[in-house]
Amino acid sequence: MDIRFQSKAVEWKADAVIVPVFKCEAPLSFISELKENAPWLEISPGLRDFKGGKGESALLYGHPDLPISRALFVGLGKKDDFKPEALRDAVGGAVKQLAGLKLPQLAISVDNLVILGERQKLIE
């Protein structure tokens, strides 16, 4: 399995993207590259049920011919309770879950990770 760390500067292409999200935050609010590369996410009914609670996940599907045809949203829990281990555990769990699907290529947004790191500094 190939795991790519994607940036806004690069056109995205992967079998699935992993999206860590804090509880009660709009999942697409700070990941603009997903809106461009997986526009189907904005109308995905499954996203309405995802709240970002710790240990929560939602695997959503778009058309298989799109650059990003699956997105796995993983909850980090409340922003005030966030610890770096929560990100490690959420992303590790997501990789394990997607490995079961035998997908050749996964992606995660570097920009998303930077934003999560910056938000952690604001809490400390």
N, C-alpha and C. Protein backbone atom coordinates (compact mmCIF):
# COMPACT_ATOMS: atom_id res chain seq x y z
N MET A 1 0.84 -1.17 0.00
CA MET A 1 0.00 0.00 0.00
C MET A 1 0.89 1.24 0.00
N ASP A 2 0.61 2.16 -0.88
CA ASP A 2 1.34 3.41 -1.02
C ASP A 2 0.55 4.49 -0.28
N ILE A 3 1.19 5.15 0.70
CA ILE A 3 0.53 6.24 1.43
C ILE A 3 1.21 7.53 1.03
N ARG A 4 0.44 8.46 0.49
CA ARG A 4 0.98 9.74 0.02
C ARG A 4 0.52 10.88 0.92
N PHE A 5 1.44 11.77 1.21
CA PHE A 5 1.11 12.98 1.93
C PHE A 5 0.94 14.07 0.87
N GLN A 6 -0.30 14.48 0.67
CA GLN A 6 -0.65 15.41 -0.41
C GLN A 6 -0.64 16.85 0.07
N SER A 7 -0.40 17.75 -0.85
CA SER A 7 -0.40 19.18 -0.57
C SER A 7 -1.33 19.88 -1.55
N LYS A 8 -1.71 21.09 -1.20
CA LYS A 8 -2.59 21.87 -2.08
C LYS A 8 -1.97 22.09 -3.45
N ALA A 9 -0.65 22.12 -3.50
CA ALA A 9 0.04 22.44 -4.74
C ALA A 9 0.00 21.32 -5.78
N VAL A 10 -0.42 20.14 -5.37
CA VAL A 10 -0.38 18.98 -6.25
C VAL A 10 -1.81 18.50 -6.54
N GLU A 11 -2.04 18.07 -7.79
CA GLU A 11 -3.34 17.50 -8.11
C GLU A 11 -3.46 16.15 -7.40
N TRP A 12 -4.54 15.96 -6.71
CA TRP A 12 -4.74 14.75 -5.92
C TRP A 12 -5.21 13.60 -6.78
N LYS A 13 -4.70 12.39 -6.46
CA LYS A 13 -5.16 11.15 -7.08
C LYS A 13 -4.83 10.04 -6.10
N ALA A 14 -5.87 9.38 -5.59
CA ALA A 14 -5.68 8.27 -4.65
C ALA A 14 -6.96 7.46 -4.60
N ASP A 15 -6.83 6.22 -4.17
CA ASP A 15 -8.00 5.37 -4.03
C ASP A 15 -8.84 5.78 -2.82
N ALA A 16 -8.20 6.37 -1.83
CA ALA A 16 -8.91 6.87 -0.65
C ALA A 16 -8.09 7.96 0.01
N VAL A 17 -8.77 8.88 0.66
CA VAL A 17 -8.11 9.94 1.42
C VAL A 17 -8.57 9.81 2.87
N ILE A 18 -7.63 10.01 3.80
CA ILE A 18 -7.92 9.98 5.23
C ILE A 18 -8.05 11.42 5.71
N VAL A 19 -9.16 11.71 6.41
CA VAL A 19 -9.46 13.07 6.84
C VAL A 19 -9.71 13.10 8.35
N PRO A 20 -8.71 13.51 9.15
CA PRO A 20 -8.94 13.66 10.60
C PRO A 20 -9.74 14.94 10.87
N VAL A 21 -10.72 14.85 11.79
CA VAL A 21 -11.61 15.98 12.07
C VAL A 21 -11.88 16.07 13.57
N PHE A 22 -11.86 17.30 14.10
CA PHE A 22 -12.26 17.52 15.49
C PHE A 22 -13.77 17.42 15.62
N LYS A 23 -14.23 17.07 16.81
CA LYS A 23 -15.65 16.95 17.09
C LYS A 23 -16.35 18.30 16.88
N CYS A 24 -17.50 18.25 16.26
CA CYS A 24 -18.37 19.41 16.04
C CYS A 24 -17.79 20.47 15.12
N GLU A 25 -16.79 20.10 14.31
CA GLU A 25 -16.29 21.02 13.28
C GLU A 25 -16.78 20.53 11.93
N ALA A 26 -17.06 21.44 11.04
CA ALA A 26 -17.48 21.07 9.70
C ALA A 26 -16.33 20.33 9.03
N PRO A 27 -16.53 19.07 8.63
CA PRO A 27 -15.43 18.25 8.10
C PRO A 27 -14.71 18.84 6.89
N LEU A 28 -15.39 19.63 6.10
CA LEU A 28 -14.75 20.18 4.90
C LEU A 28 -14.35 21.65 5.06
N SER A 29 -14.46 22.20 6.27
CA SER A 29 -14.26 23.63 6.46
C SER A 29 -12.84 24.11 6.23
N PHE A 30 -11.83 23.27 6.44
CA PHE A 30 -10.46 23.75 6.27
C PHE A 30 -9.63 22.87 5.35
N ILE A 31 -10.30 22.10 4.50
CA ILE A 31 -9.57 21.25 3.56
C ILE A 31 -10.09 21.56 2.15
N SER A 32 -9.71 22.69 1.64
CA SER A 32 -10.24 23.15 0.35
C SER A 32 -9.85 22.22 -0.79
N GLU A 33 -8.72 21.53 -0.69
CA GLU A 33 -8.31 20.64 -1.78
C GLU A 33 -9.27 19.47 -1.95
N LEU A 34 -9.97 19.09 -0.90
CA LEU A 34 -10.97 18.03 -1.05
C LEU A 34 -12.18 18.53 -1.84
N LYS A 35 -12.54 19.77 -1.64
CA LYS A 35 -13.66 20.33 -2.39
C LYS A 35 -13.35 20.32 -3.89
N GLU A 36 -12.10 20.51 -4.23
CA GLU A 36 -11.68 20.55 -5.63
C GLU A 36 -11.54 19.14 -6.22
N ASN A 37 -10.99 18.21 -5.45
CA ASN A 37 -10.67 16.88 -5.96
C ASN A 37 -11.73 15.82 -5.67
N ALA A 38 -12.63 16.12 -4.75
CA ALA A 38 -13.72 15.20 -4.42
C ALA A 38 -14.99 16.02 -4.19
N PRO A 39 -15.47 16.68 -5.25
CA PRO A 39 -16.63 17.57 -5.08
C PRO A 39 -17.88 16.85 -4.60
N TRP A 40 -17.95 15.56 -4.79
CA TRP A 40 -19.10 14.77 -4.36
C TRP A 40 -19.26 14.78 -2.85
N LEU A 41 -18.20 15.09 -2.10
CA LEU A 41 -18.28 15.08 -0.64
C LEU A 41 -19.28 16.10 -0.10
N GLU A 42 -19.40 17.23 -0.78
CA GLU A 42 -20.31 18.27 -0.29
C GLU A 42 -21.77 17.84 -0.31
N ILE A 43 -22.10 16.85 -1.13
CA ILE A 43 -23.49 16.38 -1.19
C ILE A 43 -23.64 14.96 -0.67
N SER A 44 -22.59 14.43 -0.06
CA SER A 44 -22.63 13.05 0.42
C SER A 44 -23.53 12.94 1.66
N PRO A 45 -24.58 12.12 1.59
CA PRO A 45 -25.49 11.99 2.73
C PRO A 45 -24.80 11.47 3.99
N GLY A 46 -23.80 10.61 3.84
CA GLY A 46 -23.12 10.03 4.99
C GLY A 46 -22.37 11.05 5.83
N LEU A 47 -21.97 12.15 5.23
CA LEU A 47 -21.22 13.17 5.94
C LEU A 47 -22.10 13.89 6.97
N ARG A 48 -23.39 13.89 6.75
CA ARG A 48 -24.31 14.54 7.69
C ARG A 48 -24.30 13.86 9.05
N ASP A 49 -24.03 12.56 9.08
CA ASP A 49 -24.08 11.79 10.33
C ASP A 49 -22.76 11.79 11.08
N PHE A 50 -21.69 12.21 10.45
CA PHE A 50 -20.37 12.18 11.08
C PHE A 50 -20.20 13.42 11.96
N LYS A 51 -19.84 13.19 13.22
CA LYS A 51 -19.70 14.29 14.18
C LYS A 51 -18.26 14.53 14.64
N GLY A 52 -17.33 13.62 14.33
CA GLY A 52 -15.93 13.81 14.69
C GLY A 52 -15.57 13.35 16.09
N GLY A 53 -16.44 12.56 16.72
CA GLY A 53 -16.13 12.04 18.05
C GLY A 53 -14.92 11.11 18.02
N LYS A 54 -14.21 11.05 19.13
CA LYS A 54 -13.02 10.19 19.22
C LYS A 54 -13.41 8.75 18.92
N GLY A 55 -12.70 8.13 18.01
CA GLY A 55 -12.97 6.75 17.63
C GLY A 55 -14.04 6.60 16.56
N GLU A 56 -14.70 7.68 16.19
CA GLU A 56 -15.75 7.63 15.17
C GLU A 56 -15.11 7.69 13.78
N SER A 57 -15.70 6.98 12.83
CA SER A 57 -15.22 7.07 11.46
C SER A 57 -16.40 6.94 10.50
N ALA A 58 -16.19 7.46 9.30
CA ALA A 58 -17.21 7.36 8.26
C ALA A 58 -16.50 7.20 6.92
N LEU A 59 -16.75 6.09 6.25
CA LEU A 59 -16.17 5.84 4.93
C LEU A 59 -17.22 6.21 3.89
N LEU A 60 -16.90 7.18 3.06
CA LEU A 60 -17.83 7.69 2.06
C LEU A 60 -17.31 7.38 0.67
N TYR A 61 -18.24 7.13 -0.24
CA TYR A 61 -17.89 6.74 -1.60
C TYR A 61 -18.40 7.74 -2.63
N GLY A 62 -17.55 8.04 -3.60
CA GLY A 62 -17.93 8.82 -4.76
C GLY A 62 -17.79 7.94 -6.00
N HIS A 63 -17.91 8.54 -7.14
CA HIS A 63 -17.80 7.78 -8.39
C HIS A 63 -16.36 7.27 -8.54
N PRO A 64 -16.18 6.01 -8.95
CA PRO A 64 -14.83 5.43 -9.02
C PRO A 64 -13.90 6.07 -10.05
N ASP A 65 -14.44 6.83 -10.99
CA ASP A 65 -13.59 7.47 -12.00
C ASP A 65 -13.03 8.82 -11.56
N LEU A 66 -13.43 9.31 -10.39
CA LEU A 66 -12.93 10.59 -9.91
C LEU A 66 -11.54 10.44 -9.29
N PRO A 67 -10.75 11.52 -9.23
CA PRO A 67 -9.40 11.44 -8.65
C PRO A 67 -9.40 10.90 -7.22
N ILE A 68 -10.41 11.25 -6.44
CA ILE A 68 -10.60 10.72 -5.09
C ILE A 68 -11.98 10.09 -5.07
N SER A 69 -12.04 8.77 -4.94
CA SER A 69 -13.34 8.10 -4.99
C SER A 69 -13.82 7.61 -3.62
N ARG A 70 -12.96 7.68 -2.61
CA ARG A 70 -13.35 7.32 -1.25
C ARG A 70 -12.71 8.31 -0.28
N ALA A 71 -13.42 8.58 0.79
CA ALA A 71 -12.87 9.42 1.86
C ALA A 71 -13.23 8.78 3.19
N LEU A 72 -12.22 8.59 4.03
CA LEU A 72 -12.45 8.05 5.37
C LEU A 72 -12.23 9.18 6.37
N PHE A 73 -13.33 9.66 6.94
CA PHE A 73 -13.26 10.70 7.97
C PHE A 73 -13.07 10.01 9.31
N VAL A 74 -12.10 10.48 10.10
CA VAL A 74 -11.82 9.90 11.41
C VAL A 74 -11.90 10.99 12.47
N GLY A 75 -12.62 10.69 13.54
CA GLY A 75 -12.82 11.66 14.61
C GLY A 75 -11.66 11.74 15.57
N LEU A 76 -11.34 12.96 15.98
CA LEU A 76 -10.28 13.21 16.94
C LEU A 76 -10.83 13.56 18.32
N GLY A 77 -12.13 13.70 18.43
CA GLY A 77 -12.73 14.11 19.70
C GLY A 77 -12.72 15.62 19.84
N LYS A 78 -12.97 16.08 21.06
CA LYS A 78 -13.04 17.52 21.32
C LYS A 78 -11.66 18.17 21.17
N LYS A 79 -11.67 19.34 20.57
CA LYS A 79 -10.43 20.07 20.34
C LYS A 79 -9.72 20.38 21.66
N ASP A 80 -10.48 20.69 22.70
CA ASP A 80 -9.89 21.03 24.00
C ASP A 80 -9.20 19.84 24.66
N ASP A 81 -9.61 18.63 24.30
CA ASP A 81 -9.04 17.41 24.89
C ASP A 81 -7.98 16.77 24.00
N PHE A 82 -7.65 17.40 22.88
CA PHE A 82 -6.77 16.81 21.87
C PHE A 82 -5.36 16.61 22.39
N LYS A 83 -4.83 15.43 22.09
CA LYS A 83 -3.43 15.10 22.36
C LYS A 83 -2.87 14.52 21.06
N PRO A 84 -1.58 14.72 20.78
CA PRO A 84 -0.99 14.21 19.54
C PRO A 84 -1.22 12.72 19.32
N GLU A 85 -1.30 11.96 20.41
CA GLU A 85 -1.53 10.52 20.28
C GLU A 85 -2.87 10.23 19.61
N ALA A 86 -3.84 11.12 19.81
CA ALA A 86 -5.17 10.93 19.21
C ALA A 86 -5.07 10.95 17.69
N LEU A 87 -4.23 11.83 17.16
CA LEU A 87 -4.03 11.89 15.71
C LEU A 87 -3.35 10.62 15.22
N ARG A 88 -2.31 10.21 15.92
CA ARG A 88 -1.60 8.98 15.55
C ARG A 88 -2.55 7.79 15.56
N ASP A 89 -3.35 7.67 16.62
CA ASP A 89 -4.27 6.55 16.74
C ASP A 89 -5.35 6.59 15.66
N ALA A 90 -5.88 7.79 15.38
CA ALA A 90 -6.94 7.92 14.38
C ALA A 90 -6.42 7.57 12.98
N VAL A 91 -5.27 8.10 12.62
CA VAL A 91 -4.71 7.83 11.29
C VAL A 91 -4.27 6.36 11.19
N GLY A 92 -3.66 5.84 12.25
CA GLY A 92 -3.26 4.43 12.24
C GLY A 92 -4.46 3.50 12.09
N GLY A 93 -5.54 3.80 12.80
CA GLY A 93 -6.76 3.02 12.68
C GLY A 93 -7.36 3.11 11.29
N ALA A 94 -7.28 4.30 10.70
CA ALA A 94 -7.81 4.50 9.35
C ALA A 94 -7.01 3.68 8.34
N VAL A 95 -5.70 3.68 8.48
CA VAL A 95 -4.86 2.90 7.56
C VAL A 95 -5.19 1.41 7.69
N LYS A 96 -5.36 0.93 8.91
CA LYS A 96 -5.73 -0.48 9.11
C LYS A 96 -7.07 -0.79 8.47
N GLN A 97 -8.04 0.11 8.67
CA GLN A 97 -9.37 -0.11 8.10
C GLN A 97 -9.31 -0.15 6.58
N LEU A 98 -8.57 0.76 5.98
CA LEU A 98 -8.47 0.80 4.53
C LEU A 98 -7.60 -0.32 3.98
N ALA A 99 -6.65 -0.80 4.77
CA ALA A 99 -5.82 -1.92 4.33
C ALA A 99 -6.68 -3.15 4.08
N GLY A 100 -7.73 -3.30 4.85
CA GLY A 100 -8.64 -4.42 4.66
C GLY A 100 -9.34 -4.39 3.31
N LEU A 101 -9.42 -3.21 2.70
CA LEU A 101 -10.03 -3.07 1.38
C LEU A 101 -9.03 -3.32 0.26
N LYS A 102 -7.76 -3.51 0.64
CA LYS A 102 -6.67 -3.78 -0.32
C LYS A 102 -6.56 -2.68 -1.39
N LEU A 103 -6.62 -1.45 -0.95
CA LEU A 103 -6.47 -0.31 -1.86
C LEU A 103 -5.00 -0.05 -2.10
N PRO A 104 -4.61 0.19 -3.34
CA PRO A 104 -3.18 0.39 -3.61
C PRO A 104 -2.63 1.74 -3.16
N GLN A 105 -3.49 2.78 -3.05
CA GLN A 105 -2.95 4.11 -2.78
C GLN A 105 -3.86 4.91 -1.86
N LEU A 106 -3.29 5.40 -0.75
CA LEU A 106 -3.99 6.25 0.20
C LEU A 106 -3.35 7.62 0.21
N ALA A 107 -4.12 8.63 0.61
CA ALA A 107 -3.59 9.98 0.71
C ALA A 107 -4.06 10.61 2.02
N ILE A 108 -3.23 11.52 2.52
CA ILE A 108 -3.61 12.34 3.67
C ILE A 108 -3.05 13.74 3.39
N SER A 109 -3.82 14.74 3.79
CA SER A 109 -3.44 16.12 3.50
C SER A 109 -2.39 16.63 4.48
N VAL A 110 -1.25 17.03 3.95
CA VAL A 110 -0.21 17.64 4.78
C VAL A 110 -0.76 18.94 5.36
N ASP A 111 -1.49 19.69 4.56
CA ASP A 111 -2.04 20.96 5.01
C ASP A 111 -3.01 20.75 6.17
N ASN A 112 -3.79 19.69 6.12
CA ASN A 112 -4.70 19.35 7.21
C ASN A 112 -3.91 19.05 8.48
N LEU A 113 -2.83 18.29 8.36
CA LEU A 113 -2.00 17.97 9.52
C LEU A 113 -1.37 19.22 10.14
N VAL A 114 -0.96 20.15 9.29
CA VAL A 114 -0.38 21.41 9.77
C VAL A 114 -1.44 22.20 10.54
N ILE A 115 -2.64 22.28 9.99
CA ILE A 115 -3.72 23.01 10.66
C ILE A 115 -4.04 22.37 12.01
N LEU A 116 -4.11 21.05 12.05
CA LEU A 116 -4.37 20.35 13.31
C LEU A 116 -3.26 20.66 14.32
N GLY A 117 -2.02 20.69 13.87
CA GLY A 117 -0.90 21.01 14.74
C GLY A 117 -0.97 22.44 15.26
N GLU A 118 -1.36 23.37 14.40
CA GLU A 118 -1.50 24.76 14.82
C GLU A 118 -2.62 24.90 15.85
N ARG A 119 -3.71 24.20 15.65
CA ARG A 119 -4.82 24.27 16.60
C ARG A 119 -4.40 23.68 17.94
N GLN A 120 -3.55 22.68 17.93
CA GLN A 120 -3.06 22.09 19.18
C GLN A 120 -2.24 23.13 19.94
N LYS A 121 -1.43 23.91 19.26
CA LYS A 121 -0.61 24.93 19.92
C LYS A 121 -1.47 25.99 20.59
N LEU A 122 -2.62 26.31 19.99
CA LEU A 122 -3.52 27.29 20.56
C LEU A 122 -4.12 26.79 21.87
N ILE A 123 -4.23 25.50 22.01
CA ILE A 123 -4.84 24.91 23.20
C ILE A 123 -3.85 24.90 24.36
N GLU A 124 -2.57 24.65 24.07
CA GLU A 124 -1.55 24.51 25.11
C GLU A 124 -1.33 25.80 25.87
